[in-house]
Amino acid sequence: MADVFCIGCDIPLELNHQGLCESCTAKLERDLIRSRDWDYSTRGAWTSDEQQEELYQRIIRDYGSAYELLENPNKKKKKGKNKRSKSRATQRKREIAANAIREYAREDIFARIEVFLNECEDDWVNFSHVSQLVYETYHKFKPRRMGQPGKKYKSLLKVLQDYPELFAIRVDDDNPSLFYIRLTD
């Protein structure tokens, strides 16, 4: 039963050596003429160049330019959808990266932290808020580039601890992994 169905229209009919019914064979022939593939077209292979052009024009006039069985070889392929994530977190990260300051120095960061701490109502501010501010404001912030010459810092906290004349940092009484920061008086 598998050899009985036409591979073009999937209808059980009498098939030729290509596995096509009579109707699909005619569609294939017209598609080959539309694409000017004269080497594979039965009618086009045995005709002269002038007759081939007339045959092409007649097929377009009688049946239209749309391909019936084959895919149009000149048709542009659709581009796939953008595979970028549309989650809120990813969108926020992209927005932060787009707005981040790319050229900065240690003094710029310290000045921004001072402004932030002056704007806060509390005397002591949770250090994680300052850290978040720095990492979101400055593009690809690297603590090892900051601080005193010759020292390679691994965290913003270590950098700021080396400047007690500017910032006072203390550990939370109940939670030793929580730090607070304020400007020194």
N, C-alpha and C. Protein backbone atom coordinates (compact mmCIF):
# COMPACT_ATOMS: atom_id res chain seq x y z
N MET A 1 0.82 -1.21 0.00
CA MET A 1 0.00 0.00 0.00
C MET A 1 0.86 1.26 0.00
N ALA A 2 2.08 1.20 0.51
CA ALA A 2 2.90 2.40 0.61
C ALA A 2 3.28 2.95 -0.75
N ASP A 3 3.41 2.08 -1.76
CA ASP A 3 3.80 2.53 -3.09
C ASP A 3 2.62 3.02 -3.91
N VAL A 4 1.43 3.01 -3.34
CA VAL A 4 0.23 3.39 -4.07
C VAL A 4 -0.07 4.88 -3.94
N PHE A 5 0.43 5.53 -2.90
CA PHE A 5 0.12 6.94 -2.64
C PHE A 5 1.09 7.85 -3.37
N CYS A 6 0.56 8.86 -4.02
CA CYS A 6 1.36 9.86 -4.73
C CYS A 6 2.15 10.67 -3.71
N ILE A 7 3.45 10.90 -3.97
CA ILE A 7 4.27 11.66 -3.03
C ILE A 7 3.99 13.16 -3.11
N GLY A 8 3.26 13.59 -4.14
CA GLY A 8 2.92 15.00 -4.28
C GLY A 8 1.62 15.37 -3.59
N CYS A 9 0.59 14.56 -3.80
CA CYS A 9 -0.73 14.90 -3.24
C CYS A 9 -1.21 13.91 -2.18
N ASP A 10 -0.49 12.80 -1.99
CA ASP A 10 -0.80 11.80 -0.98
C ASP A 10 -2.17 11.15 -1.19
N ILE A 11 -2.52 10.97 -2.46
CA ILE A 11 -3.79 10.32 -2.81
C ILE A 11 -3.45 9.00 -3.50
N PRO A 12 -4.16 7.92 -3.21
CA PRO A 12 -3.86 6.63 -3.86
C PRO A 12 -4.34 6.66 -5.32
N LEU A 13 -3.38 6.75 -6.22
CA LEU A 13 -3.65 6.77 -7.66
C LEU A 13 -2.59 5.95 -8.38
N GLU A 14 -2.75 5.82 -9.67
CA GLU A 14 -1.74 5.15 -10.47
C GLU A 14 -0.54 6.10 -10.58
N LEU A 15 0.66 5.57 -10.33
CA LEU A 15 1.86 6.41 -10.24
C LEU A 15 2.84 6.11 -11.37
N ASN A 16 3.68 7.11 -11.68
CA ASN A 16 4.75 6.90 -12.65
C ASN A 16 6.02 6.45 -11.94
N HIS A 17 7.14 6.40 -12.64
CA HIS A 17 8.40 5.94 -12.05
C HIS A 17 8.94 6.90 -10.97
N GLN A 18 8.45 8.14 -10.93
CA GLN A 18 8.88 9.10 -9.92
C GLN A 18 8.02 9.05 -8.65
N GLY A 19 6.97 8.25 -8.68
CA GLY A 19 6.07 8.15 -7.53
C GLY A 19 5.03 9.25 -7.53
N LEU A 20 4.76 9.86 -8.71
CA LEU A 20 3.79 10.94 -8.83
C LEU A 20 2.60 10.49 -9.68
N CYS A 21 1.45 11.05 -9.35
CA CYS A 21 0.27 10.81 -10.18
C CYS A 21 0.36 11.71 -11.42
N GLU A 22 -0.58 11.57 -12.32
CA GLU A 22 -0.56 12.33 -13.57
C GLU A 22 -0.67 13.84 -13.31
N SER A 23 -1.53 14.23 -12.37
CA SER A 23 -1.72 15.64 -12.04
C SER A 23 -0.45 16.24 -11.44
N CYS A 24 0.18 15.54 -10.51
CA CYS A 24 1.39 16.06 -9.87
C CYS A 24 2.57 16.06 -10.84
N THR A 25 2.61 15.13 -11.77
CA THR A 25 3.66 15.13 -12.80
C THR A 25 3.56 16.39 -13.64
N ALA A 26 2.33 16.80 -13.98
CA ALA A 26 2.13 18.03 -14.76
C ALA A 26 2.54 19.25 -13.93
N LYS A 27 2.22 19.25 -12.65
CA LYS A 27 2.62 20.37 -11.78
C LYS A 27 4.14 20.46 -11.67
N LEU A 28 4.80 19.30 -11.53
CA LEU A 28 6.26 19.28 -11.46
C LEU A 28 6.87 19.83 -12.75
N GLU A 29 6.33 19.42 -13.88
CA GLU A 29 6.82 19.90 -15.18
C GLU A 29 6.68 21.42 -15.27
N ARG A 30 5.53 21.96 -14.87
CA ARG A 30 5.32 23.41 -14.91
C ARG A 30 6.27 24.14 -13.95
N ASP A 31 6.51 23.56 -12.77
CA ASP A 31 7.44 24.17 -11.83
C ASP A 31 8.87 24.19 -12.38
N LEU A 32 9.28 23.12 -13.05
CA LEU A 32 10.61 23.08 -13.65
C LEU A 32 10.74 24.13 -14.75
N ILE A 33 9.67 24.35 -15.50
CA ILE A 33 9.69 25.38 -16.54
C ILE A 33 9.70 26.77 -15.90
N ARG A 34 8.94 26.97 -14.82
CA ARG A 34 8.94 28.26 -14.11
C ARG A 34 10.36 28.62 -13.60
N SER A 35 11.07 27.61 -13.13
CA SER A 35 12.42 27.86 -12.62
C SER A 35 13.47 27.81 -13.73
N ARG A 36 13.01 27.61 -14.96
CA ARG A 36 13.88 27.54 -16.16
C ARG A 36 14.96 26.46 -15.99
N ASP A 37 14.57 25.37 -15.40
CA ASP A 37 15.47 24.23 -15.20
C ASP A 37 15.27 23.29 -16.39
N TRP A 38 15.83 23.69 -17.52
CA TRP A 38 15.55 23.02 -18.78
C TRP A 38 16.16 21.63 -18.84
N ASP A 39 17.20 21.36 -18.11
CA ASP A 39 17.82 20.04 -18.14
C ASP A 39 16.92 18.96 -17.54
N TYR A 40 16.07 19.32 -16.60
CA TYR A 40 15.19 18.35 -15.94
C TYR A 40 13.76 18.38 -16.47
N SER A 41 13.42 19.41 -17.22
CA SER A 41 12.07 19.52 -17.78
C SER A 41 11.97 18.65 -19.04
N THR A 42 10.93 17.83 -19.11
CA THR A 42 10.75 16.94 -20.26
C THR A 42 10.50 17.74 -21.53
N ARG A 43 9.62 18.70 -21.48
CA ARG A 43 9.30 19.51 -22.67
C ARG A 43 10.42 20.49 -22.99
N GLY A 44 11.04 21.07 -21.97
CA GLY A 44 12.05 22.10 -22.20
C GLY A 44 13.38 21.56 -22.69
N ALA A 45 13.70 20.30 -22.39
CA ALA A 45 14.99 19.74 -22.77
C ALA A 45 15.15 19.61 -24.28
N TRP A 46 14.04 19.43 -25.00
CA TRP A 46 14.11 19.16 -26.44
C TRP A 46 13.71 20.36 -27.28
N THR A 47 13.60 21.52 -26.69
CA THR A 47 13.19 22.70 -27.44
C THR A 47 14.36 23.69 -27.56
N SER A 48 14.29 24.56 -28.55
CA SER A 48 15.33 25.56 -28.75
C SER A 48 15.18 26.68 -27.71
N ASP A 49 16.18 27.57 -27.65
CA ASP A 49 16.15 28.66 -26.67
C ASP A 49 14.94 29.57 -26.86
N GLU A 50 14.58 29.90 -28.11
CA GLU A 50 13.42 30.76 -28.36
C GLU A 50 12.13 30.06 -27.93
N GLN A 51 12.03 28.78 -28.22
CA GLN A 51 10.84 28.02 -27.85
C GLN A 51 10.74 27.84 -26.34
N GLN A 52 11.90 27.73 -25.69
CA GLN A 52 11.89 27.62 -24.24
C GLN A 52 11.31 28.88 -23.60
N GLU A 53 11.69 30.04 -24.13
CA GLU A 53 11.16 31.29 -23.60
C GLU A 53 9.66 31.41 -23.85
N GLU A 54 9.21 30.98 -25.03
CA GLU A 54 7.76 30.98 -25.33
C GLU A 54 7.03 30.03 -24.39
N LEU A 55 7.61 28.86 -24.15
CA LEU A 55 7.02 27.88 -23.24
C LEU A 55 6.92 28.46 -21.82
N TYR A 56 7.97 29.13 -21.39
CA TYR A 56 7.96 29.77 -20.08
C TYR A 56 6.85 30.82 -19.98
N GLN A 57 6.74 31.67 -20.99
CA GLN A 57 5.70 32.72 -21.01
C GLN A 57 4.29 32.11 -21.01
N ARG A 58 4.11 31.03 -21.76
CA ARG A 58 2.80 30.39 -21.84
C ARG A 58 2.41 29.78 -20.48
N ILE A 59 3.36 29.13 -19.81
CA ILE A 59 3.07 28.54 -18.49
C ILE A 59 2.69 29.64 -17.49
N ILE A 60 3.44 30.74 -17.50
CA ILE A 60 3.14 31.86 -16.60
C ILE A 60 1.77 32.44 -16.91
N ARG A 61 1.47 32.60 -18.19
CA ARG A 61 0.18 33.17 -18.59
C ARG A 61 -0.98 32.24 -18.23
N ASP A 62 -0.84 30.95 -18.50
CA ASP A 62 -1.94 30.01 -18.29
C ASP A 62 -2.09 29.55 -16.84
N TYR A 63 -0.97 29.39 -16.11
CA TYR A 63 -1.03 28.81 -14.78
C TYR A 63 -0.54 29.75 -13.67
N GLY A 64 0.03 30.88 -14.04
CA GLY A 64 0.52 31.82 -13.03
C GLY A 64 1.98 31.57 -12.69
N SER A 65 2.56 32.48 -11.93
CA SER A 65 3.98 32.37 -11.60
C SER A 65 4.24 31.63 -10.28
N ALA A 66 3.18 31.34 -9.53
CA ALA A 66 3.34 30.65 -8.25
C ALA A 66 3.66 29.18 -8.47
N TYR A 67 4.62 28.68 -7.73
CA TYR A 67 5.00 27.27 -7.84
C TYR A 67 3.89 26.41 -7.25
N GLU A 68 3.67 25.27 -7.88
CA GLU A 68 2.56 24.40 -7.48
C GLU A 68 3.01 23.22 -6.62
N LEU A 69 4.18 22.65 -6.93
CA LEU A 69 4.62 21.46 -6.23
C LEU A 69 5.98 21.68 -5.56
N LEU A 70 6.87 22.33 -6.25
CA LEU A 70 8.20 22.60 -5.71
C LEU A 70 8.20 23.89 -4.91
N GLU A 71 9.24 24.06 -4.12
CA GLU A 71 9.41 25.31 -3.39
C GLU A 71 10.13 26.29 -4.30
N ASN A 72 9.72 27.54 -4.26
CA ASN A 72 10.32 28.58 -5.10
C ASN A 72 11.80 28.73 -4.71
N PRO A 73 12.73 28.50 -5.63
CA PRO A 73 14.15 28.60 -5.28
C PRO A 73 14.60 30.04 -5.05
N ASN A 74 13.86 31.02 -5.54
CA ASN A 74 14.22 32.42 -5.37
C ASN A 74 13.57 33.05 -4.14
N LYS A 75 12.73 32.29 -3.48
CA LYS A 75 12.02 32.81 -2.32
C LYS A 75 12.99 32.99 -1.16
N LYS A 76 12.94 34.18 -0.54
CA LYS A 76 13.81 34.44 0.60
C LYS A 76 13.29 33.68 1.80
N LYS A 77 14.22 33.08 2.51
CA LYS A 77 13.83 32.33 3.70
C LYS A 77 13.51 33.30 4.83
N LYS A 78 12.51 32.96 5.60
CA LYS A 78 12.12 33.78 6.74
C LYS A 78 13.18 33.64 7.82
N LYS A 79 13.49 34.75 8.42
CA LYS A 79 14.41 34.72 9.54
C LYS A 79 13.66 34.21 10.76
N GLY A 80 14.35 33.45 11.56
CA GLY A 80 13.75 32.92 12.78
C GLY A 80 13.53 34.04 13.78
N LYS A 81 12.71 33.76 14.73
CA LYS A 81 12.47 34.75 15.78
C LYS A 81 13.74 34.94 16.59
N ASN A 82 13.84 36.10 17.15
CA ASN A 82 14.97 36.40 18.00
C ASN A 82 14.90 35.47 19.21
N LYS A 83 15.97 34.76 19.45
CA LYS A 83 15.95 33.78 20.52
C LYS A 83 16.37 34.36 21.85
N ARG A 84 16.51 35.67 21.91
CA ARG A 84 16.87 36.29 23.18
C ARG A 84 15.73 36.11 24.17
N SER A 85 16.11 35.93 25.35
CA SER A 85 15.13 35.73 26.41
C SER A 85 14.31 37.01 26.62
N LYS A 86 13.07 36.83 26.93
CA LYS A 86 12.20 37.97 27.17
C LYS A 86 11.83 38.07 28.65
N SER A 87 12.56 37.38 29.50
CA SER A 87 12.25 37.43 30.92
C SER A 87 12.56 38.82 31.46
N ARG A 88 11.92 39.17 32.52
CA ARG A 88 12.12 40.50 33.11
C ARG A 88 13.56 40.66 33.60
N ALA A 89 14.10 39.61 34.18
CA ALA A 89 15.47 39.69 34.70
C ALA A 89 16.46 39.94 33.56
N THR A 90 16.30 39.24 32.45
CA THR A 90 17.20 39.42 31.32
C THR A 90 17.03 40.79 30.71
N GLN A 91 15.80 41.25 30.59
CA GLN A 91 15.57 42.59 30.05
C GLN A 91 16.21 43.64 30.96
N ARG A 92 16.10 43.44 32.26
CA ARG A 92 16.71 44.39 33.20
C ARG A 92 18.23 44.40 33.05
N LYS A 93 18.84 43.23 32.91
CA LYS A 93 20.28 43.16 32.74
C LYS A 93 20.72 43.89 31.47
N ARG A 94 19.96 43.72 30.39
CA ARG A 94 20.30 44.42 29.14
C ARG A 94 20.17 45.93 29.30
N GLU A 95 19.13 46.35 30.01
CA GLU A 95 18.92 47.78 30.24
C GLU A 95 20.06 48.36 31.08
N ILE A 96 20.47 47.64 32.10
CA ILE A 96 21.58 48.10 32.94
C ILE A 96 22.85 48.21 32.12
N ALA A 97 23.14 47.20 31.31
CA ALA A 97 24.35 47.22 30.49
C ALA A 97 24.32 48.36 29.48
N ALA A 98 23.15 48.66 28.94
CA ALA A 98 23.04 49.74 27.95
C ALA A 98 23.26 51.11 28.59
N ASN A 99 22.85 51.28 29.83
CA ASN A 99 22.95 52.58 30.51
C ASN A 99 24.21 52.73 31.35
N ALA A 100 25.01 51.69 31.45
CA ALA A 100 26.18 51.72 32.33
C ALA A 100 27.24 52.67 31.81
N ILE A 101 27.97 53.27 32.76
CA ILE A 101 29.08 54.16 32.43
C ILE A 101 30.29 53.28 32.12
N ARG A 102 30.89 53.50 30.96
CA ARG A 102 31.97 52.63 30.51
C ARG A 102 33.37 53.16 30.87
N GLU A 103 33.53 54.44 30.94
CA GLU A 103 34.82 55.04 31.29
C GLU A 103 34.69 55.64 32.69
N TYR A 104 35.48 55.14 33.63
CA TYR A 104 35.39 55.64 35.01
C TYR A 104 36.71 55.42 35.74
N ALA A 105 36.87 56.14 36.81
CA ALA A 105 38.05 56.01 37.67
C ALA A 105 37.58 55.81 39.11
N ARG A 106 38.51 55.50 39.99
CA ARG A 106 38.19 55.27 41.39
C ARG A 106 37.48 56.48 42.00
N GLU A 107 37.93 57.69 41.66
CA GLU A 107 37.34 58.91 42.21
C GLU A 107 35.87 59.05 41.79
N ASP A 108 35.55 58.63 40.56
CA ASP A 108 34.16 58.68 40.09
C ASP A 108 33.27 57.78 40.94
N ILE A 109 33.76 56.58 41.21
CA ILE A 109 32.99 55.63 42.00
C ILE A 109 32.81 56.13 43.43
N PHE A 110 33.89 56.63 44.02
CA PHE A 110 33.80 57.14 45.39
C PHE A 110 32.84 58.32 45.48
N ALA A 111 32.88 59.21 44.49
CA ALA A 111 31.98 60.36 44.47
C ALA A 111 30.52 59.90 44.37
N ARG A 112 30.26 58.89 43.54
CA ARG A 112 28.89 58.38 43.38
C ARG A 112 28.40 57.74 44.67
N ILE A 113 29.28 57.02 45.35
CA ILE A 113 28.90 56.40 46.62
C ILE A 113 28.59 57.47 47.66
N GLU A 114 29.39 58.51 47.70
CA GLU A 114 29.16 59.61 48.65
C GLU A 114 27.81 60.27 48.41
N VAL A 115 27.49 60.53 47.15
CA VAL A 115 26.19 61.13 46.82
C VAL A 115 25.06 60.21 47.28
N PHE A 116 25.21 58.92 47.01
CA PHE A 116 24.18 57.95 47.39
C PHE A 116 23.99 57.93 48.92
N LEU A 117 25.09 57.89 49.65
CA LEU A 117 25.00 57.84 51.11
C LEU A 117 24.41 59.13 51.69
N ASN A 118 24.69 60.27 51.07
CA ASN A 118 24.10 61.54 51.52
C ASN A 118 22.60 61.58 51.24
N GLU A 119 22.15 60.92 50.18
CA GLU A 119 20.72 60.90 49.84
C GLU A 119 19.92 59.98 50.75
N CYS A 120 20.57 58.99 51.34
CA CYS A 120 19.87 58.04 52.21
C CYS A 120 19.49 58.71 53.52
N GLU A 121 18.34 58.34 54.03
CA GLU A 121 17.84 58.92 55.27
C GLU A 121 18.53 58.33 56.50
N ASP A 122 18.89 57.05 56.43
CA ASP A 122 19.52 56.38 57.57
C ASP A 122 21.00 56.77 57.66
N ASP A 123 21.51 56.73 58.87
CA ASP A 123 22.92 57.03 59.08
C ASP A 123 23.77 55.88 58.53
N TRP A 124 23.43 54.64 58.94
CA TRP A 124 24.11 53.46 58.43
C TRP A 124 23.27 52.83 57.33
N VAL A 125 23.90 52.53 56.22
CA VAL A 125 23.19 51.97 55.05
C VAL A 125 23.70 50.56 54.80
N ASN A 126 22.78 49.68 54.45
CA ASN A 126 23.15 48.31 54.11
C ASN A 126 24.16 48.34 52.95
N PHE A 127 25.30 47.68 53.14
CA PHE A 127 26.36 47.71 52.14
C PHE A 127 25.92 47.10 50.81
N SER A 128 25.01 46.15 50.83
CA SER A 128 24.57 45.51 49.59
C SER A 128 23.90 46.52 48.65
N HIS A 129 23.27 47.56 49.20
CA HIS A 129 22.67 48.61 48.37
C HIS A 129 23.75 49.40 47.64
N VAL A 130 24.83 49.69 48.33
CA VAL A 130 25.95 50.42 47.72
C VAL A 130 26.60 49.55 46.64
N SER A 131 26.78 48.30 46.96
CA SER A 131 27.38 47.37 46.01
C SER A 131 26.54 47.25 44.74
N GLN A 132 25.24 47.13 44.93
CA GLN A 132 24.34 47.04 43.78
C GLN A 132 24.41 48.31 42.94
N LEU A 133 24.44 49.45 43.58
CA LEU A 133 24.55 50.72 42.88
C LEU A 133 25.81 50.76 42.01
N VAL A 134 26.93 50.37 42.57
CA VAL A 134 28.20 50.41 41.82
C VAL A 134 28.17 49.44 40.64
N TYR A 135 27.73 48.22 40.88
CA TYR A 135 27.73 47.22 39.81
C TYR A 135 26.73 47.55 38.71
N GLU A 136 25.66 48.26 39.03
CA GLU A 136 24.69 48.64 38.00
C GLU A 136 25.07 49.93 37.29
N THR A 137 25.83 50.79 37.94
CA THR A 137 26.18 52.08 37.34
C THR A 137 27.40 52.00 36.45
N TYR A 138 28.37 51.19 36.85
CA TYR A 138 29.64 51.14 36.13
C TYR A 138 29.79 49.82 35.40
N HIS A 139 30.02 49.93 34.10
CA HIS A 139 30.07 48.76 33.22
C HIS A 139 31.22 47.82 33.59
N LYS A 140 30.88 46.56 33.82
CA LYS A 140 31.85 45.52 34.13
C LYS A 140 32.84 45.95 35.21
N PHE A 141 32.28 46.38 36.32
CA PHE A 141 33.10 46.85 37.43
C PHE A 141 34.00 45.72 37.94
N LYS A 142 35.27 46.01 38.05
CA LYS A 142 36.26 45.05 38.56
C LYS A 142 36.94 45.66 39.78
N PRO A 143 36.75 45.11 40.98
CA PRO A 143 37.36 45.67 42.18
C PRO A 143 38.89 45.63 42.15
N ARG A 144 39.48 44.68 41.42
CA ARG A 144 40.95 44.60 41.44
C ARG A 144 41.61 45.79 40.77
N ARG A 145 40.86 46.55 39.96
CA ARG A 145 41.42 47.76 39.34
C ARG A 145 41.29 48.98 40.25
N MET A 146 40.56 48.86 41.34
CA MET A 146 40.32 49.98 42.24
C MET A 146 41.25 49.90 43.44
N GLY A 147 41.21 50.91 44.23
CA GLY A 147 41.95 50.89 45.48
C GLY A 147 43.38 51.36 45.34
N GLN A 148 44.15 51.06 46.33
CA GLN A 148 45.52 51.53 46.40
C GLN A 148 46.41 50.78 45.41
N PRO A 149 47.41 51.47 44.87
CA PRO A 149 48.30 50.84 43.90
C PRO A 149 49.03 49.63 44.50
N GLY A 150 49.18 48.60 43.67
CA GLY A 150 49.88 47.40 44.11
C GLY A 150 49.00 46.38 44.80
N LYS A 151 47.77 46.71 45.11
CA LYS A 151 46.86 45.76 45.76
C LYS A 151 45.83 45.27 44.75
N LYS A 152 45.54 43.99 44.82
CA LYS A 152 44.53 43.37 43.95
C LYS A 152 43.35 42.97 44.83
N TYR A 153 42.28 43.74 44.76
CA TYR A 153 41.12 43.50 45.59
C TYR A 153 40.18 42.51 44.93
N LYS A 154 39.50 41.73 45.78
CA LYS A 154 38.53 40.77 45.27
C LYS A 154 37.09 41.23 45.45
N SER A 155 36.88 42.29 46.23
CA SER A 155 35.52 42.78 46.44
C SER A 155 35.52 44.28 46.69
N LEU A 156 34.39 44.88 46.41
CA LEU A 156 34.22 46.31 46.66
C LEU A 156 34.36 46.61 48.15
N LEU A 157 33.90 45.71 49.00
CA LEU A 157 34.00 45.88 50.45
C LEU A 157 35.46 46.06 50.87
N LYS A 158 36.35 45.23 50.34
CA LYS A 158 37.78 45.33 50.69
C LYS A 158 38.37 46.66 50.22
N VAL A 159 37.92 47.13 49.06
CA VAL A 159 38.41 48.41 48.55
C VAL A 159 38.02 49.53 49.51
N LEU A 160 36.75 49.57 49.88
CA LEU A 160 36.26 50.65 50.72
C LEU A 160 36.80 50.58 52.15
N GLN A 161 37.13 49.38 52.62
CA GLN A 161 37.73 49.25 53.95
C GLN A 161 39.13 49.86 54.00
N ASP A 162 39.78 49.96 52.86
CA ASP A 162 41.12 50.56 52.82
C ASP A 162 41.08 52.09 52.79
N TYR A 163 39.89 52.66 52.83
CA TYR A 163 39.74 54.11 52.85
C TYR A 163 38.92 54.54 54.07
N PRO A 164 39.44 54.33 55.28
CA PRO A 164 38.68 54.68 56.49
C PRO A 164 38.48 56.18 56.65
N GLU A 165 39.29 56.98 55.96
CA GLU A 165 39.11 58.43 56.03
C GLU A 165 37.85 58.87 55.27
N LEU A 166 37.34 58.02 54.37
CA LEU A 166 36.13 58.34 53.61
C LEU A 166 34.90 57.57 54.09
N PHE A 167 35.09 56.29 54.38
CA PHE A 167 33.94 55.42 54.68
C PHE A 167 34.17 54.65 55.98
N ALA A 168 33.11 54.55 56.78
CA ALA A 168 33.12 53.72 57.98
C ALA A 168 32.27 52.50 57.69
N ILE A 169 32.81 51.32 57.98
CA ILE A 169 32.09 50.07 57.71
C ILE A 169 32.04 49.29 59.01
N ARG A 170 30.85 48.72 59.28
CA ARG A 170 30.70 47.91 60.48
C ARG A 170 29.91 46.65 60.16
N VAL A 171 30.11 45.64 60.98
CA VAL A 171 29.42 44.36 60.83
C VAL A 171 28.15 44.40 61.66
N ASP A 172 27.11 43.77 61.18
CA ASP A 172 25.86 43.68 61.93
C ASP A 172 26.07 42.82 63.18
N ASP A 173 25.42 43.22 64.26
CA ASP A 173 25.60 42.52 65.53
C ASP A 173 25.05 41.09 65.49
N ASP A 174 23.93 40.91 64.80
CA ASP A 174 23.28 39.60 64.78
C ASP A 174 23.75 38.71 63.62
N ASN A 175 24.13 39.34 62.51
CA ASN A 175 24.48 38.58 61.32
C ASN A 175 25.88 39.00 60.85
N PRO A 176 26.89 38.18 61.06
CA PRO A 176 28.26 38.58 60.72
C PRO A 176 28.53 38.70 59.21
N SER A 177 27.62 38.25 58.39
CA SER A 177 27.83 38.37 56.94
C SER A 177 27.16 39.64 56.37
N LEU A 178 26.54 40.43 57.24
CA LEU A 178 25.87 41.66 56.82
C LEU A 178 26.69 42.87 57.27
N PHE A 179 26.95 43.77 56.32
CA PHE A 179 27.76 44.94 56.60
C PHE A 179 26.95 46.20 56.38
N TYR A 180 27.33 47.26 57.12
CA TYR A 180 26.72 48.57 56.97
C TYR A 180 27.82 49.58 56.67
N ILE A 181 27.47 50.63 55.98
CA ILE A 181 28.45 51.65 55.59
C ILE A 181 27.86 53.03 55.84
N ARG A 182 28.75 53.98 56.10
CA ARG A 182 28.36 55.38 56.21
C ARG A 182 29.59 56.21 55.91
N LEU A 183 29.38 57.51 55.69
CA LEU A 183 30.49 58.42 55.48
C LEU A 183 31.12 58.74 56.82
N THR A 184 32.43 58.86 56.85
CA THR A 184 33.10 59.25 58.09
C THR A 184 32.90 60.73 58.32
N ASP A 185 32.81 61.10 59.57
CA ASP A 185 32.56 62.50 59.90
C ASP A 185 33.81 63.33 59.87
